Protein backbone atom coordinates (compact mmCIF):
# COMPACT_ATOMS: atom_id res chain seq x y z
CA UNK A 1 -61.40 183.21 111.03
CA UNK A 2 -60.81 185.08 113.88
CA UNK A 3 -62.84 185.45 116.95
CA UNK A 4 -64.58 188.43 117.36
CA UNK A 5 -64.93 187.91 121.09
CA UNK A 6 -61.17 188.81 121.46
CA UNK A 7 -62.05 192.46 121.29
CA UNK A 8 -64.61 192.39 124.28
CA UNK A 9 -68.09 192.18 122.32
CA UNK A 10 -69.39 190.02 119.53
CA UNK A 11 -68.68 191.93 115.80
CA UNK A 12 -72.19 192.63 115.46
CA UNK A 13 -73.02 193.79 118.80
CA UNK A 14 -75.63 196.95 119.07
CA UNK A 15 -73.89 200.25 121.06
CA UNK A 16 -74.57 200.50 124.69
CA UNK A 17 -77.40 202.81 125.01
CA UNK A 18 -76.43 206.25 126.60
CA UNK A 19 -77.45 206.35 130.11
CA UNK A 20 -79.95 208.91 130.33
CA UNK A 21 -81.66 210.64 127.22
CA UNK A 22 -81.14 214.37 126.17
CA UNK A 23 -83.82 216.55 127.32
CA UNK A 24 -84.49 218.90 124.76
CA UNK A 25 -85.10 222.34 126.36
CA UNK A 26 -87.33 225.41 125.12
CA UNK A 27 -85.53 227.91 123.14
CA UNK A 28 -84.95 231.41 125.06
CA UNK A 29 -87.72 232.36 122.09
CA UNK A 30 -90.20 229.76 122.35
CA UNK A 31 -90.59 230.31 126.40
CA UNK A 32 -90.96 234.14 125.60
CA UNK A 33 -93.98 233.03 123.32
CA UNK A 34 -95.24 230.83 125.94
CA UNK A 35 -94.88 233.72 128.55
CA UNK A 36 -96.84 236.01 126.39
CA UNK A 37 -99.67 233.76 125.52
CA UNK A 38 -100.04 233.91 128.93
CA UNK A 39 -100.02 237.43 129.30
CA UNK A 40 -102.77 237.99 126.60
CA UNK A 41 -104.93 235.12 128.58
CA UNK A 42 -105.04 237.48 131.93
CA UNK A 43 -105.64 241.06 129.96
CA UNK A 44 -108.25 239.49 128.90
CA UNK A 45 -109.54 239.10 132.23
CA UNK A 46 -108.13 242.41 132.62
CA UNK A 47 -105.15 241.75 134.60
CA UNK A 48 -103.02 245.26 134.02
CA UNK A 49 -99.75 243.74 135.41
CA UNK A 50 -100.07 240.82 132.38
CA UNK A 51 -100.64 244.14 130.96
CA UNK A 52 -97.17 246.49 131.89
CA UNK A 53 -95.42 242.66 131.07
CA UNK A 54 -96.75 242.60 127.57
CA UNK A 55 -95.82 245.92 126.94
CA UNK A 56 -92.26 245.74 128.47
CA UNK A 57 -91.73 242.21 126.30
CA UNK A 58 -92.98 243.74 123.18
CA UNK A 59 -92.79 247.79 122.64
CA UNK A 60 -89.79 247.82 121.22
CA UNK A 61 -90.42 245.40 118.27
CA UNK A 62 -93.95 246.78 117.78
CA UNK A 63 -92.33 250.43 117.90
CA UNK A 64 -89.85 249.50 115.19
CA UNK A 65 -92.24 248.25 112.61
CA UNK A 66 -93.86 251.35 112.89
CA UNK A 67 -91.24 253.46 112.74
CA UNK A 68 -89.74 251.38 109.58
CA UNK A 69 -93.45 251.95 107.58
CA UNK A 70 -94.02 255.52 108.60
CA UNK A 71 -90.70 256.88 109.07
CA UNK A 72 -91.92 259.26 111.55
CA UNK A 73 -91.17 258.77 115.08
CA UNK A 74 -93.97 261.11 116.46
CA UNK A 75 -96.68 258.43 114.07
CA UNK A 76 -95.00 255.76 115.60
CA UNK A 77 -95.36 256.51 119.00
CA UNK A 78 -99.03 257.27 118.45
CA UNK A 79 -99.49 254.22 116.30
CA UNK A 80 -97.96 252.17 119.30
CA UNK A 81 -100.12 253.58 121.63
CA UNK A 82 -102.98 252.63 119.22
CA UNK A 83 -101.70 249.15 118.96
CA UNK A 84 -101.06 248.51 123.00
CA UNK A 85 -104.96 250.07 123.43
CA UNK A 86 -106.19 247.28 121.01
CA UNK A 87 -104.45 244.87 122.55
CA UNK A 88 -105.86 245.79 125.93
CA UNK A 89 -109.50 245.69 124.38
CA UNK A 90 -109.23 243.02 122.29
CA UNK A 91 -107.13 240.62 123.97
CA UNK A 92 -109.73 237.75 124.35
CA UNK A 93 -109.87 237.51 120.06
CA UNK A 94 -106.04 236.00 120.33
CA UNK A 95 -105.90 232.33 118.76
CA UNK A 96 -102.27 231.47 119.80
CA UNK A 97 -103.48 228.60 116.98
CA UNK A 98 -103.35 230.93 114.20
CA UNK A 99 -100.59 233.34 115.40
CA UNK A 100 -97.91 233.78 117.80
CA UNK A 101 -98.05 236.32 120.04
CA UNK A 102 -95.64 238.55 118.44
CA UNK A 103 -97.32 237.80 115.10
CA UNK A 104 -100.22 238.97 116.29
CA UNK A 105 -99.11 242.60 117.11
CA UNK A 106 -96.87 242.98 113.98
CA UNK A 107 -100.17 242.26 112.24
CA UNK A 108 -101.59 244.67 114.24
CA UNK A 109 -98.96 247.48 114.12
CA UNK A 110 -98.17 246.41 109.85
CA UNK A 111 -102.75 246.97 109.30
CA UNK A 112 -102.69 250.30 111.31
CA UNK A 113 -99.17 251.72 110.04
CA UNK A 114 -100.36 251.55 106.54
CA UNK A 115 -103.98 252.79 106.92
CA UNK A 116 -102.41 255.41 108.59
CA UNK A 117 -99.78 256.21 105.30
CA UNK A 118 -103.12 255.64 103.27
CA UNK A 119 -104.87 258.02 105.51
CA UNK A 120 -102.00 261.11 105.19
CA UNK A 121 -101.43 259.97 101.28
CA UNK A 122 -105.18 260.92 100.97
CA UNK A 123 -104.82 264.25 102.67
CA UNK A 124 -102.12 265.29 100.78
CA UNK A 125 -103.96 266.12 98.09
CA UNK A 126 -105.10 269.23 99.59
CA UNK A 127 -101.65 270.80 100.22
CA UNK A 128 -100.35 269.11 96.69
CA UNK A 129 -99.83 272.10 94.55
CA UNK A 130 -98.39 274.37 97.58
CA UNK A 131 -95.91 271.98 97.89
CA UNK A 132 -94.84 271.96 94.04
CA UNK A 133 -94.61 275.67 94.72
CA UNK A 134 -92.53 276.02 97.70
CA UNK A 135 -90.88 272.65 98.78
CA UNK A 136 -87.94 273.61 96.06
CA UNK A 137 -86.75 269.81 95.62
CA UNK A 138 -85.29 268.50 91.87
CA UNK A 139 -89.05 267.42 90.66
CA UNK A 140 -89.94 266.60 86.86
CA UNK A 141 -90.23 270.15 85.19
CA UNK A 142 -93.85 269.44 84.43
CA UNK A 143 -94.37 269.59 87.79
CA UNK A 144 -93.39 273.37 88.43
CA UNK A 145 -95.23 274.32 85.26
CA UNK A 146 -98.54 273.04 87.38
CA UNK A 147 -97.92 274.45 90.06
CA UNK A 148 -96.80 278.09 88.34
CA UNK A 149 -100.47 277.61 86.12
CA UNK A 150 -102.97 276.28 87.62
CA UNK A 151 -104.60 276.74 90.95
CA UNK A 152 -105.16 274.37 93.94
CA UNK A 153 -108.90 273.64 93.72
CA UNK A 154 -108.23 272.10 90.24
CA UNK A 155 -104.88 270.46 90.89
CA UNK A 156 -107.06 268.26 93.51
CA UNK A 157 -109.69 267.43 91.33
CA UNK A 158 -107.87 266.45 88.52
CA UNK A 159 -105.62 263.82 90.69
CA UNK A 160 -108.96 261.63 90.83
CA UNK A 161 -107.95 260.77 87.10
CA UNK A 162 -104.75 259.37 88.67
CA UNK A 163 -103.94 255.52 89.41
CA UNK A 164 -103.79 254.58 92.76
CA UNK A 165 -100.19 254.40 92.39
CA UNK A 166 -99.43 257.26 90.40
CA UNK A 167 -101.76 259.07 93.44
CA UNK A 168 -99.98 257.69 96.25
CA UNK A 169 -96.27 258.06 94.13
CA UNK A 170 -96.98 262.26 93.69
CA UNK A 171 -98.60 262.49 96.95
CA UNK A 172 -95.53 261.44 99.04
CA UNK A 173 -92.93 263.15 97.15
CA UNK A 174 -95.28 266.39 98.01
CA UNK A 175 -97.38 266.35 100.71
CA UNK A 176 -94.07 264.07 102.66
CA UNK A 177 -91.24 266.41 101.40
CA UNK A 178 -89.43 263.15 99.92
CA UNK A 179 -87.02 262.97 97.39
CA UNK A 180 -87.08 260.33 95.08
CA UNK A 181 -84.91 257.95 96.47
CA UNK A 182 -87.00 258.45 99.88
CA UNK A 183 -90.32 257.59 97.82
CA UNK A 184 -88.66 254.69 96.76
CA UNK A 185 -87.35 253.70 100.30
CA UNK A 186 -90.68 253.84 101.81
CA UNK A 187 -92.69 252.36 99.25
CA UNK A 188 -89.62 249.51 98.89
CA UNK A 189 -89.86 249.50 94.99
CA UNK A 190 -87.08 250.97 92.31
CA UNK A 191 -86.35 254.41 92.19
CA UNK A 192 -86.87 254.32 88.32
CA UNK A 193 -90.09 252.83 88.80
CA UNK A 194 -90.88 256.10 91.54
CA UNK A 195 -89.73 258.16 88.34
CA UNK A 196 -92.13 256.61 85.94
CA UNK A 197 -95.11 256.82 87.95
CA UNK A 198 -94.40 260.74 89.30
CA UNK A 199 -93.67 261.36 85.71
CA UNK A 200 -96.14 259.88 84.53
CA UNK A 201 -98.50 261.31 87.17
CA UNK A 202 -97.67 265.16 86.62
CA UNK A 203 -97.95 264.53 82.92
CA UNK A 204 -101.81 263.33 83.40
CA UNK A 205 -102.15 265.88 85.69
CA UNK A 206 -101.43 268.52 83.26
CA UNK A 207 -103.28 267.01 80.13
CA UNK A 208 -106.46 267.01 82.63
CA UNK A 209 -105.71 270.54 83.74
CA UNK A 210 -105.57 271.28 80.02
CA UNK A 211 -108.92 269.36 80.01
CA UNK A 212 -107.90 266.70 77.54
CA UNK A 213 -107.56 263.74 79.45
CA UNK A 214 -106.59 260.44 77.75
CA UNK A 215 -106.68 257.13 78.47
CA UNK A 216 -103.83 255.38 79.73
């Protein structure tokens, strides 16, 4: 049996430990989160410089999310302003144990943007009949019949008989002037689903206006 010492070390010897332990450096994203957490603490103490720093570091993300939801730059800008006004007044409510600063901002932005879409969709009912007659888009022929034969007030009243999803989809198509494809992209649902909701919703409208609403 050969002696392992001829190779300079015992056969079962452990490798020499490194001279120094590697230093794990925080990632750029982690450093950003720590900096933003500090900004929020200072904003809670009414530090305007910290607010400016937070805004410059995050407003692109806030605006981008708002724009993806409302699809209109002007509305996205208004939502962005609302978000930062809320942050200025409610920074002391931020809890780093529940969300990162970016996560908190995205949650506020998403809530504001969705609320804006819901309000506009609700307001859309007042203009639905006008849109049916004047937008000139390739919608279901049932919509054209409804727009031509009935007064706006009657249409508005009958919108209450639609399901929430039908009403939202129909309102986006007419008030927002969107095509079926644009509505599908806006709601994040298949085009076939949009067509079905609008078709069924308009049929229900027609039935209501004829005075014979049937259960769905």
